[in-house]
């Protein structure tokens, strides 16, 4: 019995401290879970990123050559459909690129200035 009494006793935390600790742990878990779910949801294949890079090249090419024709491009892993809508009043062009990779479809809109030849 004397051996048991020789150990140092720990004081218990108050109820308020326990509630605050649980609240902090819950908030940290919620933030971590939210970040994890967002990362998993945005998991896109490399095909998408390759196609997105190709869209940037096609946009630059369209601006340099002032070629605003509708186009359909087919590659090994994806297809890109380019549609151009010219707005002469606002002197702008909306290039709509539709990317199809497997069973997923993405749309990218590019607004570029329009200078009539």
Protein backbone atom coordinates (compact mmCIF):
# COMPACT_ATOMS: atom_id res chain seq x y z
CA UNK A 1 0.00 0.00 0.00
CA UNK A 2 2.87 2.31 0.81
CA UNK A 3 4.27 1.68 -2.66
CA UNK A 4 1.05 2.90 -4.29
CA UNK A 5 1.02 6.10 -2.24
CA UNK A 6 4.56 6.96 -3.21
CA UNK A 7 3.62 7.66 -6.86
CA UNK A 8 3.02 11.26 -7.78
CA UNK A 9 -0.62 12.05 -8.35
CA UNK A 10 -1.64 13.97 -11.45
CA UNK A 11 -4.24 16.67 -11.15
CA UNK A 12 -7.26 16.28 -13.37
CA UNK A 13 -8.10 18.92 -15.96
CA UNK A 14 -11.15 21.04 -15.58
CA UNK A 15 -14.20 20.51 -17.74
CA UNK A 16 -13.60 23.77 -19.64
CA UNK A 17 -10.04 22.73 -20.57
CA UNK A 18 -11.28 19.37 -21.82
CA UNK A 19 -13.99 20.97 -23.97
CA UNK A 20 -11.51 23.45 -25.47
CA UNK A 21 -9.03 20.65 -26.25
CA UNK A 22 -11.72 18.57 -27.96
CA UNK A 23 -12.86 21.62 -29.97
CA UNK A 24 -9.29 22.31 -31.17
CA UNK A 25 -8.77 18.68 -32.15
CA UNK A 26 -12.11 18.63 -34.00
CA UNK A 27 -11.29 21.80 -35.95
CA UNK A 28 -7.88 20.41 -36.96
CA UNK A 29 -9.48 17.15 -38.08
CA UNK A 30 -12.12 19.04 -40.08
CA UNK A 31 -9.53 21.19 -41.88
CA UNK A 32 -7.38 18.14 -42.65
CA UNK A 33 -10.32 16.15 -43.98
CA UNK A 34 -11.49 19.08 -46.14
CA UNK A 35 -8.04 19.51 -47.69
CA UNK A 36 -7.75 15.77 -48.31
CA UNK A 37 -11.15 15.55 -50.01
CA UNK A 38 -10.38 18.55 -52.25
CA UNK A 39 -7.08 17.03 -53.33
CA UNK A 40 -8.71 13.69 -54.09
CA UNK A 41 -11.59 15.34 -56.00
CA UNK A 42 -9.26 17.30 -58.28
CA UNK A 43 -7.26 14.26 -59.21
CA UNK A 44 -7.00 14.70 -62.99
CA UNK A 45 -5.11 12.46 -65.36
CA UNK A 46 -1.96 13.41 -67.21
CA UNK A 47 -4.03 13.37 -70.40
CA UNK A 48 -5.92 16.41 -69.15
CA UNK A 49 -2.73 18.34 -68.41
CA UNK A 50 -1.24 17.40 -71.80
CA UNK A 51 -4.41 18.60 -73.51
CA UNK A 52 -4.44 21.80 -71.45
CA UNK A 53 -0.86 22.51 -72.53
CA UNK A 54 -1.87 21.91 -76.16
CA UNK A 55 -4.78 24.36 -75.71
CA UNK A 56 -2.32 27.04 -74.59
CA UNK A 57 -0.20 26.40 -77.70
CA UNK A 58 -3.27 26.52 -79.95
CA UNK A 59 -4.36 29.80 -78.36
CA UNK A 60 -0.96 31.40 -78.98
CA UNK A 61 -0.96 30.06 -82.53
CA UNK A 62 -4.44 31.48 -83.18
CA UNK A 63 -3.38 34.90 -81.93
CA UNK A 64 -0.15 34.96 -83.96
CA UNK A 65 -1.71 33.72 -87.21
CA UNK A 66 -5.10 35.36 -86.57
CA UNK A 67 -6.69 32.06 -87.54
CA UNK A 68 -10.07 31.87 -85.84
CA UNK A 69 -11.59 28.94 -87.71
CA UNK A 70 -13.45 26.17 -85.93
CA UNK A 71 -11.29 23.08 -85.71
CA UNK A 72 -11.31 19.48 -84.52
CA UNK A 73 -7.99 17.96 -83.48
CA UNK A 74 -7.55 14.31 -82.59
CA UNK A 75 -4.54 13.00 -80.69
CA UNK A 76 -3.65 9.61 -79.20
CA UNK A 77 -5.13 10.17 -75.74
CA UNK A 78 -7.55 13.07 -76.22
CA UNK A 79 -9.49 15.16 -78.71
CA UNK A 80 -9.81 18.95 -78.79
CA UNK A 81 -12.63 20.84 -80.46
CA UNK A 82 -11.97 24.54 -81.04
CA UNK A 83 -14.90 26.91 -81.56
CA UNK A 84 -14.44 30.64 -82.14
CA UNK A 85 -17.09 33.30 -81.50
CA UNK A 86 -16.18 36.73 -82.83
CA UNK A 87 -17.70 39.82 -81.21
CA UNK A 88 -16.84 42.77 -83.45
CA UNK A 89 -18.55 45.35 -81.22
CA UNK A 90 -16.37 44.53 -78.23
CA UNK A 91 -13.40 43.65 -80.45
CA UNK A 92 -12.93 40.31 -78.78
CA UNK A 93 -13.02 36.64 -79.61
CA UNK A 94 -14.05 33.83 -77.31
CA UNK A 95 -12.22 30.63 -78.10
CA UNK A 96 -14.00 27.63 -76.61
CA UNK A 97 -11.89 24.50 -76.36
CA UNK A 98 -13.67 21.26 -75.54
CA UNK A 99 -11.30 18.56 -74.33
CA UNK A 100 -12.43 14.95 -74.31
CA UNK A 101 -10.21 12.46 -72.47
CA UNK A 102 -11.68 8.99 -72.25
CA UNK A 103 -15.10 9.43 -70.69
CA UNK A 104 -14.54 12.94 -69.27
CA UNK A 105 -15.19 16.24 -71.02
CA UNK A 106 -13.71 19.61 -70.02
CA UNK A 107 -14.35 23.11 -71.39
CA UNK A 108 -11.80 25.91 -71.45
CA UNK A 109 -12.80 29.44 -72.50
CA UNK A 110 -10.19 31.93 -73.70
CA UNK A 111 -10.99 35.60 -74.27
CA UNK A 112 -8.58 37.27 -76.68
CA UNK A 113 -8.54 40.68 -78.39
CA UNK A 114 -9.72 40.91 -81.98
CA UNK A 115 -8.06 43.19 -84.51
CA UNK A 116 -9.72 43.14 -87.88
CA UNK A 117 -7.35 42.79 -90.83
